[in-house]
Amino acid sequence: MTIAETVDLFSLDTRRCRVVEWQAPGPVAKAAFGMSGLQTMSAIRDGILPPPPMARLIGFTMAVAEPGRIVMELDPDESLENTIGLLHGATAAALLDTAMGCAIATMQPAGQTSVTLDLKLTFLRPLSVRSGTISAEGKVVKLGRQTSYAEGFVRDGAANLAVHATATFSMIGEGGKAK
């Protein structure tokens, strides 16, 4: 006899619901117009500007915003788990892509931004809801005119390194054009 034969896996007892609310990103971008990347990241950290929709969807917040460095934090819940009871790898990928991209942004003047060209993750240890508060740190390695590089680290609640990442970003000037 299998578990599917003894337990109704679709019963109301095991159903979960999560409602996600966010602010439309367009008006936030307009409010941030004229701000440097560091000013924008600090405003998000301090609650002056709302976080991007992806941060609300996954549930992470910005804890640190300083020149060349960002730290995001996440208190994981089971909505981020896969079927083997671990956090899905995309959770770490989203945290790191955001932290590293925001770290690059802290070094950019008003009117300039960047987009991810590549993202490489190395998973060193699994994460779960029992991992405690997870932190994702992004650091600028090299800021360039056309291409920039960042490094990232995800640590569990006990400060154990769980994921290491590197990423390359294309620098974009005003009007959304590559530099």
C-alpha atoms as a PDB file:
ATOM      1  CA  MET A   1       0.000   0.000   0.000  1.00  0.00           C
ATOM      2  CA  THR A   2       1.401   3.440  -0.977  1.00  0.00           C
ATOM      3  CA  ILE A   3       0.956   6.735   0.832  1.00  0.00           C
ATOM      4  CA  ALA A   4      -1.338   7.900  -1.966  1.00  0.00           C
ATOM      5  CA  GLU A   5      -3.653   4.993  -1.166  1.00  0.00           C
ATOM      6  CA  THR A   6      -3.841   5.820   2.559  1.00  0.00           C
ATOM      7  CA  VAL A   7      -3.848   9.645   2.564  1.00  0.00           C
ATOM      8  CA  ASP A   8      -5.805  12.070   0.417  1.00  0.00           C
ATOM      9  CA  LEU A   9      -2.957  14.253  -0.817  1.00  0.00           C
ATOM     10  CA  PHE A  10      -5.443  16.812  -2.149  1.00  0.00           C
ATOM     11  CA  SER A  11      -7.541  17.144   1.025  1.00  0.00           C
ATOM     12  CA  LEU A  12      -8.406  20.508   2.525  1.00  0.00           C
ATOM     13  CA  ASP A  13      -6.293  19.566   5.580  1.00  0.00           C
ATOM     14  CA  THR A  14      -3.086  19.781   3.541  1.00  0.00           C
ATOM     15  CA  ARG A  15      -4.048  22.746   1.348  1.00  0.00           C
ATOM     16  CA  ARG A  16      -2.217  26.021   1.914  1.00  0.00           C
ATOM     17  CA  CYS A  17      -2.951  29.518   0.652  1.00  0.00           C
ATOM     18  CA  ARG A  18      -0.667  32.492   0.376  1.00  0.00           C
ATOM     19  CA  VAL A  19      -1.766  35.954  -0.773  1.00  0.00           C
ATOM     20  CA  VAL A  20       0.875  38.228  -2.238  1.00  0.00           C
ATOM     21  CA  GLU A  21       0.400  41.975  -2.535  1.00  0.00           C
ATOM     22  CA  TRP A  22       2.799  44.366  -4.236  1.00  0.00           C
ATOM     23  CA  GLN A  23       3.030  47.872  -5.596  1.00  0.00           C
ATOM     24  CA  ALA A  24       3.051  48.392  -9.358  1.00  0.00           C
ATOM     25  CA  PRO A  25       6.695  48.881 -10.377  1.00  0.00           C
ATOM     26  CA  GLY A  26       6.048  51.710 -12.875  1.00  0.00           C
ATOM     27  CA  PRO A  27       5.116  54.404 -10.330  1.00  0.00           C
ATOM     28  CA  VAL A  28       8.003  53.277  -8.090  1.00  0.00           C
ATOM     29  CA  ALA A  29      10.437  53.717 -10.987  1.00  0.00           C
ATOM     30  CA  LYS A  30       9.041  57.222 -11.571  1.00  0.00           C
ATOM     31  CA  ALA A  31       9.430  58.060  -7.873  1.00  0.00           C
ATOM     32  CA  ALA A  32      13.056  56.877  -7.998  1.00  0.00           C
ATOM     33  CA  PHE A  33      13.811  58.900 -11.146  1.00  0.00           C
ATOM     34  CA  GLY A  34      16.776  61.173 -10.507  1.00  0.00           C
ATOM     35  CA  MET A  35      18.016  59.089  -7.559  1.00  0.00           C
ATOM     36  CA  SER A  36      21.353  57.316  -7.661  1.00  0.00           C
ATOM     37  CA  GLY A  37      21.355  53.547  -7.291  1.00  0.00           C
ATOM     38  CA  LEU A  38      22.533  53.821  -3.689  1.00  0.00           C
ATOM     39  CA  GLN A  39      19.790  56.332  -2.887  1.00  0.00           C
ATOM     40  CA  THR A  40      17.200  54.016  -4.449  1.00  0.00           C
ATOM     41  CA  MET A  41      18.465  50.925  -2.600  1.00  0.00           C
ATOM     42  CA  SER A  42      18.591  52.847   0.686  1.00  0.00           C
ATOM     43  CA  ALA A  43      15.026  54.091   0.120  1.00  0.00           C
ATOM     44  CA  ILE A  44      13.835  50.502  -0.430  1.00  0.00           C
ATOM     45  CA  ARG A  45      15.728  49.311   2.649  1.00  0.00           C
ATOM     46  CA  ASP A  46      14.251  52.128   4.755  1.00  0.00           C
ATOM     47  CA  GLY A  47      10.677  51.623   3.522  1.00  0.00           C
ATOM     48  CA  ILE A  48      10.512  54.935   1.656  1.00  0.00           C
ATOM     49  CA  LEU A  49      10.121  53.103  -1.661  1.00  0.00           C
ATOM     50  CA  PRO A  50       8.284  49.768  -1.853  1.00  0.00           C
ATOM     51  CA  PRO A  51      10.289  46.668  -2.740  1.00  0.00           C
ATOM     52  CA  PRO A  52      10.007  45.120  -6.214  1.00  0.00           C
ATOM     53  CA  PRO A  53       7.226  42.576  -6.808  1.00  0.00           C
ATOM     54  CA  MET A  54       9.680  39.628  -6.866  1.00  0.00           C
ATOM     55  CA  ALA A  55      10.827  40.456  -3.324  1.00  0.00           C
ATOM     56  CA  ARG A  56       7.210  40.384  -2.137  1.00  0.00           C
ATOM     57  CA  LEU A  57       6.515  37.146  -4.028  1.00  0.00           C
ATOM     58  CA  ILE A  58       9.412  35.263  -2.444  1.00  0.00           C
ATOM     59  CA  GLY A  59       9.307  37.178   0.834  1.00  0.00           C
ATOM     60  CA  PHE A  60      12.785  38.673   1.153  1.00  0.00           C
ATOM     61  CA  THR A  61      13.765  42.097   2.453  1.00  0.00           C
ATOM     62  CA  MET A  62      16.796  44.320   2.066  1.00  0.00           C
ATOM     63  CA  ALA A  63      18.775  44.456   5.317  1.00  0.00           C
ATOM     64  CA  VAL A  64      21.951  46.261   4.178  1.00  0.00           C
ATOM     65  CA  ALA A  65      22.504  48.791   1.386  1.00  0.00           C
ATOM     66  CA  GLU A  66      25.942  50.343   1.186  1.00  0.00           C
ATOM     67  CA  PRO A  67      28.277  51.224  -1.682  1.00  0.00           C
ATOM     68  CA  GLY A  68      29.129  48.012  -3.531  1.00  0.00           C
ATOM     69  CA  ARG A  69      27.324  45.717  -1.080  1.00  0.00           C
ATOM     70  CA  ILE A  70      23.757  44.542  -0.482  1.00  0.00           C
ATOM     71  CA  VAL A  71      22.380  41.979   1.962  1.00  0.00           C
ATOM     72  CA  MET A  72      18.925  40.464   1.520  1.00  0.00           C
ATOM     73  CA  GLU A  73      17.216  38.378   4.216  1.00  0.00           C
ATOM     74  CA  LEU A  74      14.580  35.677   3.965  1.00  0.00           C
ATOM     75  CA  ASP A  75      12.680  33.765   6.623  1.00  0.00           C
ATOM     76  CA  PRO A  76      11.807  30.729   4.499  1.00  0.00           C
ATOM     77  CA  ASP A  77       8.447  28.993   4.575  1.00  0.00           C
ATOM     78  CA  GLU A  78       7.156  25.801   3.001  1.00  0.00           C
ATOM     79  CA  SER A  79       5.799  27.664  -0.053  1.00  0.00           C
ATOM     80  CA  LEU A  80       9.422  27.778  -1.258  1.00  0.00           C
ATOM     81  CA  GLU A  81      10.075  24.048  -0.772  1.00  0.00           C
ATOM     82  CA  ASN A  82      10.323  21.348  -3.407  1.00  0.00           C
ATOM     83  CA  THR A  83       8.854  17.866  -2.966  1.00  0.00           C
ATOM     84  CA  ILE A  84      11.893  16.602  -1.029  1.00  0.00           C
ATOM     85  CA  GLY A  85      11.468  19.236   1.694  1.00  0.00           C
ATOM     86  CA  LEU A  86      14.305  21.554   0.685  1.00  0.00           C
ATOM     87  CA  LEU A  87      14.148  25.124  -0.570  1.00  0.00           C
ATOM     88  CA  HIS A  88      13.973  25.145  -4.333  1.00  0.00           C
ATOM     89  CA  GLY A  89      17.260  26.241  -5.924  1.00  0.00           C
ATOM     90  CA  ALA A  90      15.439  29.047  -7.705  1.00  0.00           C
ATOM     91  CA  THR A  91      14.968  30.703  -4.310  1.00  0.00           C
ATOM     92  CA  ALA A  92      18.732  31.116  -3.880  1.00  0.00           C
ATOM     93  CA  ALA A  93      19.074  32.101  -7.542  1.00  0.00           C
ATOM     94  CA  ALA A  94      16.485  34.884  -7.189  1.00  0.00           C
ATOM     95  CA  LEU A  95      18.037  36.106  -3.929  1.00  0.00           C
ATOM     96  CA  LEU A  96      21.536  36.174  -5.400  1.00  0.00           C
ATOM     97  CA  ASP A  97      20.563  37.711  -8.741  1.00  0.00           C
ATOM     98  CA  THR A  98      18.766  40.463  -6.841  1.00  0.00           C
ATOM     99  CA  ALA A  99      21.507  41.031  -4.243  1.00  0.00           C
ATOM    100  CA  MET A 100      24.302  41.132  -6.823  1.00  0.00           C
ATOM    101  CA  GLY A 101      22.328  43.315  -9.240  1.00  0.00           C
ATOM    102  CA  CYS A 102      21.439  45.710  -6.429  1.00  0.00           C
ATOM    103  CA  ALA A 103      25.085  45.796  -5.306  1.00  0.00           C
ATOM    104  CA  ILE A 104      26.019  46.918  -8.835  1.00  0.00           C
ATOM    105  CA  ALA A 105      23.198  49.495  -8.688  1.00  0.00           C
ATOM    106  CA  THR A 106      24.646  51.045  -5.516  1.00  0.00           C
ATOM    107  CA  MET A 107      27.625  52.145  -7.604  1.00  0.00           C
ATOM    108  CA  GLN A 108      25.595  53.693 -10.435  1.00  0.00           C
ATOM    109  CA  PRO A 109      24.530  57.295 -10.931  1.00  0.00           C
ATOM    110  CA  ALA A 110      20.953  58.368 -11.585  1.00  0.00           C
ATOM    111  CA  GLY A 111      19.725  57.250 -15.010  1.00  0.00           C
ATOM    112  CA  GLN A 112      21.967  54.201 -15.230  1.00  0.00           C
ATOM    113  CA  THR A 113      21.052  50.597 -14.517  1.00  0.00           C
ATOM    114  CA  SER A 114      22.195  47.093 -15.402  1.00  0.00           C
ATOM    115  CA  VAL A 115      20.809  43.728 -16.451  1.00  0.00           C
ATOM    116  CA  THR A 116      22.103  40.241 -15.739  1.00  0.00           C
ATOM    117  CA  LEU A 117      24.065  38.643 -18.572  1.00  0.00           C
ATOM    118  CA  ASP A 118      24.966  35.445 -16.747  1.00  0.00           C
ATOM    119  CA  LEU A 119      24.547  33.918 -13.324  1.00  0.00           C
ATOM    120  CA  LYS A 120      26.537  30.934 -12.012  1.00  0.00           C
ATOM    121  CA  LEU A 121      25.614  29.273  -8.742  1.00  0.00           C
ATOM    122  CA  THR A 122      27.423  26.581  -6.808  1.00  0.00           C
ATOM    123  CA  PHE A 123      25.252  24.876  -4.203  1.00  0.00           C
ATOM    124  CA  LEU A 124      27.360  23.808  -1.222  1.00  0.00           C
ATOM    125  CA  ARG A 125      24.706  22.716   1.283  1.00  0.00           C
ATOM    126  CA  PRO A 126      20.936  22.353   1.213  1.00  0.00           C
ATOM    127  CA  LEU A 127      18.582  24.928   2.680  1.00  0.00           C
ATOM    128  CA  SER A 128      15.191  24.300   4.260  1.00  0.00           C
ATOM    129  CA  VAL A 129      12.646  26.038   6.468  1.00  0.00           C
ATOM    130  CA  ARG A 130      14.752  24.767   9.390  1.00  0.00           C
ATOM    131  CA  SER A 131      17.775  26.757   8.128  1.00  0.00           C
ATOM    132  CA  GLY A 132      16.707  29.872  10.003  1.00  0.00           C
ATOM    133  CA  THR A 133      16.924  33.353   8.507  1.00  0.00           C
ATOM    134  CA  ILE A 134      18.792  33.112   5.235  1.00  0.00           C
ATOM    135  CA  SER A 135      21.014  35.980   4.117  1.00  0.00           C
ATOM    136  CA  ALA A 136      22.118  36.680   0.571  1.00  0.00           C
ATOM    137  CA  GLU A 137      25.038  39.059   0.165  1.00  0.00           C
ATOM    138  CA  GLY A 138      26.013  40.646  -3.136  1.00  0.00           C
ATOM    139  CA  LYS A 139      29.366  42.392  -3.608  1.00  0.00           C
ATOM    140  CA  VAL A 140      30.755  44.299  -6.563  1.00  0.00           C
ATOM    141  CA  VAL A 141      33.951  42.701  -7.868  1.00  0.00           C
ATOM    142  CA  LYS A 142      34.539  45.086 -10.789  1.00  0.00           C
ATOM    143  CA  LEU A 143      32.458  47.973 -12.039  1.00  0.00           C
ATOM    144  CA  GLY A 144      33.007  48.629 -15.738  1.00  0.00           C
ATOM    145  CA  ARG A 145      31.632  51.001 -18.331  1.00  0.00           C
ATOM    146  CA  GLN A 146      29.996  48.232 -20.384  1.00  0.00           C
ATOM    147  CA  THR A 147      30.210  45.133 -18.194  1.00  0.00           C
ATOM    148  CA  SER A 148      30.383  44.681 -14.432  1.00  0.00           C
ATOM    149  CA  TYR A 149      31.009  41.668 -12.207  1.00  0.00           C
ATOM    150  CA  ALA A 150      29.661  40.657  -8.816  1.00  0.00           C
ATOM    151  CA  GLU A 151      30.010  37.830  -6.342  1.00  0.00           C
ATOM    152  CA  GLY A 152      27.340  36.523  -4.005  1.00  0.00           C
ATOM    153  CA  PHE A 153      26.951  34.336  -0.944  1.00  0.00           C
ATOM    154  CA  VAL A 154      23.909  32.719   0.636  1.00  0.00           C
ATOM    155  CA  ARG A 155      24.302  31.758   4.286  1.00  0.00           C
ATOM    156  CA  ASP A 156      21.918  29.906   6.563  1.00  0.00           C
ATOM    157  CA  GLY A 157      20.849  31.115  10.006  1.00  0.00           C
ATOM    158  CA  ALA A 158      24.031  29.688  11.554  1.00  0.00           C
ATOM    159  CA  ALA A 159      26.177  31.654   9.024  1.00  0.00           C
ATOM    160  CA  ASN A 160      27.154  28.491   7.107  1.00  0.00           C
ATOM    161  CA  LEU A 161      27.889  29.148   3.439  1.00  0.00           C
ATOM    162  CA  ALA A 162      25.197  27.366   1.408  1.00  0.00           C
ATOM    163  CA  VAL A 163      25.496  28.890  -2.076  1.00  0.00           C
ATOM    164  CA  HIS A 164      28.258  30.817  -3.853  1.00  0.00           C
ATOM    165  CA  ALA A 165      27.582  32.771  -7.049  1.00  0.00           C
ATOM    166  CA  THR A 166      29.192  34.962  -9.649  1.00  0.00           C
ATOM    167  CA  ALA A 167      27.425  37.108 -12.209  1.00  0.00           C
ATOM    168  CA  THR A 168      28.112  39.399 -15.129  1.00  0.00           C
ATOM    169  CA  PHE A 169      25.972  42.477 -15.762  1.00  0.00           C
ATOM    170  CA  SER A 170      25.527  44.650 -18.834  1.00  0.00           C
ATOM    171  CA  MET A 171      25.514  48.333 -18.022  1.00  0.00           C
ATOM    172  CA  ILE A 172      22.566  50.295 -19.426  1.00  0.00           C
ATOM    173  CA  GLY A 173      22.361  54.059 -19.716  1.00  0.00           C
ATOM    174  CA  GLU A 174      19.346  56.357 -19.920  1.00  0.00           C
ATOM    175  CA  GLY A 175      16.713  55.189 -22.344  1.00  0.00           C
ATOM    176  CA  GLY A 176      17.500  51.519 -21.766  1.00  0.00           C
ATOM    177  CA  LYS A 177      20.415  51.341 -24.211  1.00  0.00           C
ATOM    178  CA  ALA A 178      23.584  49.350 -23.551  1.00  0.00           C
ATOM    179  CA  LYS A 179      26.580  51.559 -22.996  1.00  0.00           C
END
